[in-house]
All heavy atoms as atom14 arrays in JSON, in Angstrom:
{
  "sequence": "TDSIEDAFKFTDTLSTPIVVKADGLCGGKGVIIAQTHDEAKVA",
  "atom14_mask": [
    [1, 1, 1, 1, 1, 1, 1, 0, 0, 0, 0, 0, 0, 0],
    [1, 1, 1, 1, 1, 1, 1, 1, 0, 0, 0, 0, 0, 0],
    [1, 1, 1, 1, 1, 1, 0, 0, 0, 0, 0, 0, 0, 0],
    [1, 1, 1, 1, 1, 1, 1, 1, 0, 0, 0, 0, 0, 0],
    [1, 1, 1, 1, 1, 1, 1, 1, 1, 0, 0, 0, 0, 0],
    [1, 1, 1, 1, 1, 1, 1, 1, 0, 0, 0, 0, 0, 0],
    [1, 1, 1, 1, 1, 0, 0, 0, 0, 0, 0, 0, 0, 0],
    [1, 1, 1, 1, 1, 1, 1, 1, 1, 1, 1, 0, 0, 0],
    [1, 1, 1, 1, 1, 1, 1, 1, 1, 0, 0, 0, 0, 0],
    [1, 1, 1, 1, 1, 1, 1, 1, 1, 1, 1, 0, 0, 0],
    [1, 1, 1, 1, 1, 1, 1, 0, 0, 0, 0, 0, 0, 0],
    [1, 1, 1, 1, 1, 1, 1, 1, 0, 0, 0, 0, 0, 0],
    [1, 1, 1, 1, 1, 1, 1, 0, 0, 0, 0, 0, 0, 0],
    [1, 1, 1, 1, 1, 1, 1, 1, 0, 0, 0, 0, 0, 0],
    [1, 1, 1, 1, 1, 1, 0, 0, 0, 0, 0, 0, 0, 0],
    [1, 1, 1, 1, 1, 1, 1, 0, 0, 0, 0, 0, 0, 0],
    [1, 1, 1, 1, 1, 1, 1, 0, 0, 0, 0, 0, 0, 0],
    [1, 1, 1, 1, 1, 1, 1, 1, 0, 0, 0, 0, 0, 0],
    [1, 1, 1, 1, 1, 1, 1, 0, 0, 0, 0, 0, 0, 0],
    [1, 1, 1, 1, 1, 1, 1, 0, 0, 0, 0, 0, 0, 0],
    [1, 1, 1, 1, 1, 1, 1, 1, 1, 0, 0, 0, 0, 0],
    [1, 1, 1, 1, 1, 0, 0, 0, 0, 0, 0, 0, 0, 0],
    [1, 1, 1, 1, 1, 1, 1, 1, 0, 0, 0, 0, 0, 0],
    [1, 1, 1, 1, 0, 0, 0, 0, 0, 0, 0, 0, 0, 0],
    [1, 1, 1, 1, 1, 1, 1, 1, 0, 0, 0, 0, 0, 0],
    [1, 1, 1, 1, 1, 1, 0, 0, 0, 0, 0, 0, 0, 0],
    [1, 1, 1, 1, 0, 0, 0, 0, 0, 0, 0, 0, 0, 0],
    [1, 1, 1, 1, 0, 0, 0, 0, 0, 0, 0, 0, 0, 0],
    [1, 1, 1, 1, 1, 1, 1, 1, 1, 0, 0, 0, 0, 0],
    [1, 1, 1, 1, 0, 0, 0, 0, 0, 0, 0, 0, 0, 0],
    [1, 1, 1, 1, 1, 1, 1, 0, 0, 0, 0, 0, 0, 0],
    [1, 1, 1, 1, 1, 1, 1, 1, 0, 0, 0, 0, 0, 0],
    [1, 1, 1, 1, 1, 1, 1, 1, 0, 0, 0, 0, 0, 0],
    [1, 1, 1, 1, 1, 0, 0, 0, 0, 0, 0, 0, 0, 0],
    [1, 1, 1, 1, 1, 1, 1, 1, 1, 0, 0, 0, 0, 0],
    [1, 1, 1, 1, 1, 1, 1, 0, 0, 0, 0, 0, 0, 0],
    [1, 1, 1, 1, 1, 1, 1, 1, 1, 1, 0, 0, 0, 0],
    [1, 1, 1, 1, 1, 1, 1, 1, 0, 0, 0, 0, 0, 0],
    [1, 1, 1, 1, 1, 1, 1, 1, 1, 0, 0, 0, 0, 0],
    [1, 1, 1, 1, 1, 0, 0, 0, 0, 0, 0, 0, 0, 0],
    [1, 1, 1, 1, 1, 1, 1, 1, 1, 0, 0, 0, 0, 0],
    [1, 1, 1, 1, 1, 1, 1, 0, 0, 0, 0, 0, 0, 0],
    [1, 1, 1, 1, 1, 0, 0, 0, 0, 0, 0, 0, 0, 0]
  ],
  "atom14_positions": [
    [[0.82, -1.23, 0.05], [-0.04, -0.05, -0.04], [0.87, 1.27, 0.01], [2.0, 1.21, 0.37], [-0.92, 0.0, 1.26], [-1.8, 1.12, 1.19], [-0.13, 0.02, 2.5], [0.0, 0.0, 0.0], [0.0, 0.0, 0.0], [0.0, 0.0, 0.0], [0.0, 0.0, 0.0], [0.0, 0.0, 0.0], [0.0, 0.0, 0.0], [0.0, 0.0, 0.0]],
    [[0.23, 2.38, -0.46], [0.89, 3.66, -0.25], [0.06, 4.53, 0.73], [0.22, 5.69, 0.91], [1.01, 4.41, -1.54], [-0.28, 4.66, -2.31], [-1.33, 4.3, -1.76], [-0.24, 5.07, -3.44], [0.0, 0.0, 0.0], [0.0, 0.0, 0.0], [0.0, 0.0, 0.0], [0.0, 0.0, 0.0], [0.0, 0.0, 0.0], [0.0, 0.0, 0.0]],
    [[-0.93, 3.85, 1.43], [-1.79, 4.5, 2.36], [-1.31, 4.2, 3.78], [-1.26, 3.03, 4.2], [-3.25, 4.04, 2.22], [-3.97, 4.28, 3.37], [0.0, 0.0, 0.0], [0.0, 0.0, 0.0], [0.0, 0.0, 0.0], [0.0, 0.0, 0.0], [0.0, 0.0, 0.0], [0.0, 0.0, 0.0], [0.0, 0.0, 0.0], [0.0, 0.0, 0.0]],
    [[-0.99, 5.29, 4.54], [-0.46, 5.09, 5.9], [-1.59, 4.57, 6.76], [-1.3, 3.71, 7.64], [0.04, 6.51, 6.43], [0.91, 6.19, 7.65], [-0.99, 7.49, 6.7], [1.83, 7.33, 8.0], [0.0, 0.0, 0.0], [0.0, 0.0, 0.0], [0.0, 0.0, 0.0], [0.0, 0.0, 0.0], [0.0, 0.0, 0.0], [0.0, 0.0, 0.0]],
    [[-2.83, 4.93, 6.49], [-3.96, 4.44, 7.38], [-4.1, 2.9, 7.15], [-4.23, 2.14, 8.1], [-5.3, 5.13, 6.97], [-5.31, 6.52, 7.37], [-4.77, 7.45, 6.28], [-4.44, 6.97, 5.19], [-4.69, 8.69, 6.51], [0.0, 0.0, 0.0], [0.0, 0.0, 0.0], [0.0, 0.0, 0.0], [0.0, 0.0, 0.0], [0.0, 0.0, 0.0]],
    [[-4.09, 2.45, 5.92], [-4.22, 1.02, 5.56], [-3.07, 0.22, 6.23], [-3.26, -0.88, 6.74], [-4.32, 0.73, 4.09], [-5.62, 1.28, 3.49], [-6.53, 1.67, 4.34], [-5.79, 1.33, 2.3], [0.0, 0.0, 0.0], [0.0, 0.0, 0.0], [0.0, 0.0, 0.0], [0.0, 0.0, 0.0], [0.0, 0.0, 0.0], [0.0, 0.0, 0.0]],
    [[-1.86, 0.8, 6.06], [-0.67, 0.11, 6.6], [-0.76, -0.04, 8.13], [-0.47, -1.1, 8.71], [0.62, 0.9, 6.2], [0.0, 0.0, 0.0], [0.0, 0.0, 0.0], [0.0, 0.0, 0.0], [0.0, 0.0, 0.0], [0.0, 0.0, 0.0], [0.0, 0.0, 0.0], [0.0, 0.0, 0.0], [0.0, 0.0, 0.0], [0.0, 0.0, 0.0]],
    [[-1.21, 1.05, 8.77], [-1.29, 1.03, 10.23], [-2.41, 0.01, 10.68], [-2.2, -0.69, 11.67], [-1.65, 2.38, 10.8], [-0.49, 3.41, 10.88], [0.75, 3.07, 10.36], [-0.63, 4.58, 11.57], [1.79, 3.9, 10.43], [0.47, 5.49, 11.68], [1.66, 5.14, 11.12], [0.0, 0.0, 0.0], [0.0, 0.0, 0.0], [0.0, 0.0, 0.0]],
    [[-3.47, -0.02, 9.92], [-4.61, -0.9, 10.28], [-4.18, -2.36, 10.14], [-4.42, -3.14, 11.07], [-5.78, -0.62, 9.29], [-7.12, -1.08, 9.8], [-8.26, -0.67, 8.87], [-8.47, 0.81, 8.72], [-9.6, 1.12, 7.78], [0.0, 0.0, 0.0], [0.0, 0.0, 0.0], [0.0, 0.0, 0.0], [0.0, 0.0, 0.0], [0.0, 0.0, 0.0]],
    [[-3.42, -2.68, 9.18], [-2.92, -4.05, 8.97], [-1.88, -4.37, 10.05], [-1.87, -5.47, 10.59], [-2.29, -4.27, 7.59], [-1.94, -5.7, 7.25], [-2.86, -6.64, 7.04], [-0.54, -5.99, 7.18], [-2.44, -7.93, 6.83], [-0.12, -7.25, 6.92], [-1.12, -8.31, 6.71], [0.0, 0.0, 0.0], [0.0, 0.0, 0.0], [0.0, 0.0, 0.0]],
    [[-1.07, -3.39, 10.3], [0.0, -3.56, 11.38], [-0.7, -4.0, 12.7], [-0.15, -4.93, 13.44], [0.78, -2.32, 11.56], [1.47, -2.0, 10.33], [1.79, -2.43, 12.68], [0.0, 0.0, 0.0], [0.0, 0.0, 0.0], [0.0, 0.0, 0.0], [0.0, 0.0, 0.0], [0.0, 0.0, 0.0], [0.0, 0.0, 0.0], [0.0, 0.0, 0.0]],
    [[-1.79, -3.39, 12.99], [-2.53, -3.67, 14.29], [-3.04, -5.11, 14.38], [-3.32, -5.62, 15.43], [-3.62, -2.69, 14.51], [-3.05, -1.28, 14.89], [-1.97, -1.27, 15.47], [-3.78, -0.31, 14.63], [0.0, 0.0, 0.0], [0.0, 0.0, 0.0], [0.0, 0.0, 0.0], [0.0, 0.0, 0.0], [0.0, 0.0, 0.0], [0.0, 0.0, 0.0]],
    [[-3.23, -5.74, 13.18], [-3.69, -7.14, 13.2], [-2.57, -8.14, 13.41], [-2.87, -9.34, 13.61], [-4.39, -7.49, 11.84], [-3.43, -7.56, 10.78], [-5.43, -6.45, 11.51], [0.0, 0.0, 0.0], [0.0, 0.0, 0.0], [0.0, 0.0, 0.0], [0.0, 0.0, 0.0], [0.0, 0.0, 0.0], [0.0, 0.0, 0.0], [0.0, 0.0, 0.0]],
    [[-1.31, -7.7, 13.29], [-0.22, -8.66, 13.38], [0.4, -8.73, 14.76], [0.34, -7.77, 15.5], [0.93, -8.21, 12.41], [0.61, -8.14, 10.93], [1.74, -7.59, 10.12], [0.21, -9.56, 10.4], [0.0, 0.0, 0.0], [0.0, 0.0, 0.0], [0.0, 0.0, 0.0], [0.0, 0.0, 0.0], [0.0, 0.0, 0.0], [0.0, 0.0, 0.0]],
    [[0.97, -9.84, 15.11], [1.72, -9.92, 16.38], [3.16, -9.54, 16.0], [3.62, -9.65, 14.86], [1.69, -11.32, 16.98], [2.02, -12.29, 15.97], [0.0, 0.0, 0.0], [0.0, 0.0, 0.0], [0.0, 0.0, 0.0], [0.0, 0.0, 0.0], [0.0, 0.0, 0.0], [0.0, 0.0, 0.0], [0.0, 0.0, 0.0], [0.0, 0.0, 0.0]],
    [[3.88, -9.13, 16.97], [5.31, -8.64, 16.78], [6.25, -9.87, 16.81], [5.94, -10.88, 17.42], [5.73, -7.61, 17.86], [5.56, -8.22, 19.14], [4.93, -6.35, 17.76], [0.0, 0.0, 0.0], [0.0, 0.0, 0.0], [0.0, 0.0, 0.0], [0.0, 0.0, 0.0], [0.0, 0.0, 0.0], [0.0, 0.0, 0.0], [0.0, 0.0, 0.0]],
    [[7.46, -9.75, 16.21], [7.96, -8.6, 15.32], [7.13, -8.53, 14.07], [6.44, -9.42, 13.64], [9.36, -8.94, 15.11], [9.59, -10.36, 15.54], [8.45, -10.87, 16.29], [0.0, 0.0, 0.0], [0.0, 0.0, 0.0], [0.0, 0.0, 0.0], [0.0, 0.0, 0.0], [0.0, 0.0, 0.0], [0.0, 0.0, 0.0], [0.0, 0.0, 0.0]],
    [[7.28, -7.35, 13.37], [6.59, -7.01, 12.11], [7.6, -6.62, 11.08], [8.54, -5.88, 11.34], [5.59, -5.93, 12.38], [4.48, -6.39, 13.36], [4.92, -5.42, 11.06], [3.63, -5.31, 13.93], [0.0, 0.0, 0.0], [0.0, 0.0, 0.0], [0.0, 0.0, 0.0], [0.0, 0.0, 0.0], [0.0, 0.0, 0.0], [0.0, 0.0, 0.0]],
    [[7.44, -7.06, 9.89], [8.38, -6.79, 8.87], [7.8, -5.68, 7.91], [6.66, -5.74, 7.5], [8.65, -8.08, 7.91], [9.66, -7.74, 6.85], [9.08, -9.2, 8.81], [0.0, 0.0, 0.0], [0.0, 0.0, 0.0], [0.0, 0.0, 0.0], [0.0, 0.0, 0.0], [0.0, 0.0, 0.0], [0.0, 0.0, 0.0], [0.0, 0.0, 0.0]],
    [[8.66, -4.63, 7.73], [8.27, -3.53, 6.86], [9.34, -3.42, 5.76], [10.49, -3.33, 6.03], [8.18, -2.16, 7.64], [7.74, -1.03, 6.73], [7.26, -2.31, 8.86], [0.0, 0.0, 0.0], [0.0, 0.0, 0.0], [0.0, 0.0, 0.0], [0.0, 0.0, 0.0], [0.0, 0.0, 0.0], [0.0, 0.0, 0.0], [0.0, 0.0, 0.0]],
    [[8.85, -3.37, 4.53], [9.79, -3.36, 3.41], [9.46, -2.16, 2.44], [8.3, -1.89, 2.11], [9.66, -4.64, 2.52], [10.04, -5.91, 3.29], [9.87, -7.09, 2.4], [10.22, -8.38, 3.08], [9.95, -9.6, 2.24], [0.0, 0.0, 0.0], [0.0, 0.0, 0.0], [0.0, 0.0, 0.0], [0.0, 0.0, 0.0], [0.0, 0.0, 0.0]],
    [[10.52, -1.49, 1.98], [10.34, -0.45, 0.96], [10.18, -1.19, -0.42], [10.7, -2.28, -0.58], [11.58, 0.43, 0.88], [0.0, 0.0, 0.0], [0.0, 0.0, 0.0], [0.0, 0.0, 0.0], [0.0, 0.0, 0.0], [0.0, 0.0, 0.0], [0.0, 0.0, 0.0], [0.0, 0.0, 0.0], [0.0, 0.0, 0.0], [0.0, 0.0, 0.0]],
    [[9.39, -0.62, -1.25], [9.01, -1.25, -2.58], [10.27, -1.41, -3.48], [10.48, -2.41, -4.04], [7.91, -0.43, -3.25], [7.63, -0.98, -4.63], [7.58, -2.22, -4.79], [7.35, -0.2, -5.55], [0.0, 0.0, 0.0], [0.0, 0.0, 0.0], [0.0, 0.0, 0.0], [0.0, 0.0, 0.0], [0.0, 0.0, 0.0], [0.0, 0.0, 0.0]],
    [[11.03, -0.35, -3.62], [12.07, -0.31, -4.67], [13.45, -0.81, -4.14], [13.62, -1.37, -3.1], [0.0, 0.0, 0.0], [0.0, 0.0, 0.0], [0.0, 0.0, 0.0], [0.0, 0.0, 0.0], [0.0, 0.0, 0.0], [0.0, 0.0, 0.0], [0.0, 0.0, 0.0], [0.0, 0.0, 0.0], [0.0, 0.0, 0.0], [0.0, 0.0, 0.0]],
    [[14.45, -0.56, -5.02], [15.86, -0.97, -4.69], [16.43, -0.14, -3.56], [16.46, 1.1, -3.7], [16.73, -0.93, -5.92], [16.33, -1.86, -7.09], [17.28, -1.6, -8.27], [16.33, -3.26, -6.69], [0.0, 0.0, 0.0], [0.0, 0.0, 0.0], [0.0, 0.0, 0.0], [0.0, 0.0, 0.0], [0.0, 0.0, 0.0], [0.0, 0.0, 0.0]],
    [[17.03, -0.79, -2.58], [17.65, -0.09, -1.42], [18.95, -0.6, -1.07], [19.4, -0.6, 0.05], [16.71, -0.12, -0.23], [15.05, 0.64, -0.52], [0.0, 0.0, 0.0], [0.0, 0.0, 0.0], [0.0, 0.0, 0.0], [0.0, 0.0, 0.0], [0.0, 0.0, 0.0], [0.0, 0.0, 0.0], [0.0, 0.0, 0.0], [0.0, 0.0, 0.0]],
    [[19.64, -1.29, -2.08], [20.92, -1.79, -1.79], [20.95, -2.84, -0.67], [21.97, -2.99, 0.07], [0.0, 0.0, 0.0], [0.0, 0.0, 0.0], [0.0, 0.0, 0.0], [0.0, 0.0, 0.0], [0.0, 0.0, 0.0], [0.0, 0.0, 0.0], [0.0, 0.0, 0.0], [0.0, 0.0, 0.0], [0.0, 0.0, 0.0], [0.0, 0.0, 0.0]],
    [[19.86, -3.68, -0.52], [19.87, -4.72, 0.46], [19.51, -4.22, 1.83], [19.59, -4.99, 2.78], [0.0, 0.0, 0.0], [0.0, 0.0, 0.0], [0.0, 0.0, 0.0], [0.0, 0.0, 0.0], [0.0, 0.0, 0.0], [0.0, 0.0, 0.0], [0.0, 0.0, 0.0], [0.0, 0.0, 0.0], [0.0, 0.0, 0.0], [0.0, 0.0, 0.0]],
    [[19.09, -2.99, 1.93], [18.95, -2.45, 3.26], [17.42, -1.96, 3.52], [17.16, -1.38, 4.56], [19.86, -1.26, 3.53], [21.34, -1.64, 3.5], [22.25, -0.49, 3.8], [23.66, -0.81, 3.61], [24.07, -0.81, 2.17], [0.0, 0.0, 0.0], [0.0, 0.0, 0.0], [0.0, 0.0, 0.0], [0.0, 0.0, 0.0], [0.0, 0.0, 0.0]],
    [[16.5, -2.24, 2.57], [15.2, -1.68, 2.67], [14.14, -2.52, 3.44], [12.97, -2.51, 3.19], [0.0, 0.0, 0.0], [0.0, 0.0, 0.0], [0.0, 0.0, 0.0], [0.0, 0.0, 0.0], [0.0, 0.0, 0.0], [0.0, 0.0, 0.0], [0.0, 0.0, 0.0], [0.0, 0.0, 0.0], [0.0, 0.0, 0.0], [0.0, 0.0, 0.0]],
    [[14.72, -3.4, 4.31], [13.84, -4.24, 5.12], [14.05, -3.92, 6.62], [15.15, -3.96, 7.15], [14.1, -5.73, 4.91], [13.18, -6.58, 5.7], [13.9, -6.05, 3.44], [0.0, 0.0, 0.0], [0.0, 0.0, 0.0], [0.0, 0.0, 0.0], [0.0, 0.0, 0.0], [0.0, 0.0, 0.0], [0.0, 0.0, 0.0], [0.0, 0.0, 0.0]],
    [[12.97, -3.55, 7.33], [13.04, -3.27, 8.77], [12.26, -4.36, 9.51], [11.11, -4.67, 9.14], [12.4, -1.87, 9.11], [13.0, -0.82, 8.24], [12.42, -1.59, 10.57], [14.41, -0.51, 8.54], [0.0, 0.0, 0.0], [0.0, 0.0, 0.0], [0.0, 0.0, 0.0], [0.0, 0.0, 0.0], [0.0, 0.0, 0.0], [0.0, 0.0, 0.0]],
    [[12.87, -4.98, 10.55], [12.18, -5.9, 11.38], [11.85, -5.18, 12.69], [12.76, -5.03, 13.47], [12.97, -7.23, 11.54], [13.19, -7.9, 10.21], [12.23, -8.15, 12.55], [14.08, -9.12, 10.25], [0.0, 0.0, 0.0], [0.0, 0.0, 0.0], [0.0, 0.0, 0.0], [0.0, 0.0, 0.0], [0.0, 0.0, 0.0], [0.0, 0.0, 0.0]],
    [[10.58, -4.72, 12.82], [10.19, -3.91, 13.93], [9.81, -4.78, 15.1], [9.08, -5.73, 14.9], [9.06, -3.04, 13.53], [0.0, 0.0, 0.0], [0.0, 0.0, 0.0], [0.0, 0.0, 0.0], [0.0, 0.0, 0.0], [0.0, 0.0, 0.0], [0.0, 0.0, 0.0], [0.0, 0.0, 0.0], [0.0, 0.0, 0.0], [0.0, 0.0, 0.0]],
    [[10.32, -4.44, 16.25], [10.1, -5.24, 17.47], [8.76, -4.87, 18.16], [8.29, -5.68, 18.98], [11.23, -5.17, 18.44], [12.59, -5.66, 17.84], [12.53, -7.11, 17.42], [12.02, -8.0, 18.04], [13.09, -7.33, 16.18], [0.0, 0.0, 0.0], [0.0, 0.0, 0.0], [0.0, 0.0, 0.0], [0.0, 0.0, 0.0], [0.0, 0.0, 0.0]],
    [[8.27, -3.7, 17.89], [7.01, -3.32, 18.47], [6.06, -2.68, 17.41], [6.52, -2.28, 16.25], [7.27, -2.19, 19.56], [7.76, -0.96, 18.89], [8.22, -2.63, 20.6], [0.0, 0.0, 0.0], [0.0, 0.0, 0.0], [0.0, 0.0, 0.0], [0.0, 0.0, 0.0], [0.0, 0.0, 0.0], [0.0, 0.0, 0.0], [0.0, 0.0, 0.0]],
    [[4.77, -2.59, 17.7], [3.87, -1.91, 16.72], [4.26, -0.45, 16.5], [4.22, 0.04, 15.34], [2.45, -2.03, 17.3], [1.88, -3.41, 17.16], [2.07, -4.3, 18.21], [1.1, -4.02, 16.25], [1.41, -5.45, 17.87], [0.89, -5.3, 16.74], [0.0, 0.0, 0.0], [0.0, 0.0, 0.0], [0.0, 0.0, 0.0], [0.0, 0.0, 0.0]],
    [[4.72, 0.21, 17.52], [5.04, 1.63, 17.35], [6.3, 1.76, 16.45], [6.38, 2.62, 15.58], [5.39, 2.23, 18.74], [4.16, 2.53, 19.52], [3.06, 2.55, 18.94], [4.28, 2.83, 20.73], [0.0, 0.0, 0.0], [0.0, 0.0, 0.0], [0.0, 0.0, 0.0], [0.0, 0.0, 0.0], [0.0, 0.0, 0.0], [0.0, 0.0, 0.0]],
    [[7.24, 0.8, 16.63], [8.47, 0.86, 15.76], [8.09, 0.61, 14.33], [8.54, 1.24, 13.39], [9.46, -0.21, 16.25], [10.81, -0.05, 15.73], [11.76, -1.2, 16.2], [11.6, -1.66, 17.29], [12.63, -1.6, 15.36], [0.0, 0.0, 0.0], [0.0, 0.0, 0.0], [0.0, 0.0, 0.0], [0.0, 0.0, 0.0], [0.0, 0.0, 0.0]],
    [[7.15, -0.33, 14.12], [6.71, -0.65, 12.73], [6.04, 0.66, 12.13], [6.24, 0.94, 10.96], [5.71, -1.77, 12.76], [0.0, 0.0, 0.0], [0.0, 0.0, 0.0], [0.0, 0.0, 0.0], [0.0, 0.0, 0.0], [0.0, 0.0, 0.0], [0.0, 0.0, 0.0], [0.0, 0.0, 0.0], [0.0, 0.0, 0.0], [0.0, 0.0, 0.0]],
    [[5.23, 1.35, 12.92], [4.55, 2.55, 12.4], [5.51, 3.7, 12.09], [5.34, 4.4, 11.12], [3.43, 2.95, 13.43], [2.3, 1.97, 13.44], [1.27, 2.3, 14.51], [0.1, 1.26, 14.41], [-0.86, 1.48, 15.5], [0.0, 0.0, 0.0], [0.0, 0.0, 0.0], [0.0, 0.0, 0.0], [0.0, 0.0, 0.0], [0.0, 0.0, 0.0]],
    [[6.57, 3.78, 12.87], [7.59, 4.8, 12.58], [8.2, 4.43, 11.26], [8.45, 5.36, 10.39], [8.63, 4.86, 13.78], [9.87, 5.73, 13.28], [8.04, 5.52, 14.94], [0.0, 0.0, 0.0], [0.0, 0.0, 0.0], [0.0, 0.0, 0.0], [0.0, 0.0, 0.0], [0.0, 0.0, 0.0], [0.0, 0.0, 0.0], [0.0, 0.0, 0.0]],
    [[8.56, 3.17, 11.07], [9.27, 2.75, 9.84], [8.34, 3.02, 8.63], [8.8, 3.5, 7.55], [9.62, 1.28, 9.9], [0.0, 0.0, 0.0], [0.0, 0.0, 0.0], [0.0, 0.0, 0.0], [0.0, 0.0, 0.0], [0.0, 0.0, 0.0], [0.0, 0.0, 0.0], [0.0, 0.0, 0.0], [0.0, 0.0, 0.0], [0.0, 0.0, 0.0]]
  ]
}
């Protein structure tokens, strides 16, 4: 999604940790493994 509301809503349905990925090329660094819901939402 490109919608922050939809992303947050889906995040709240998951148990932690939560994986957040950027869509495009990031040199192997575009994946964040968030340990909390808040950390996922910041990412």
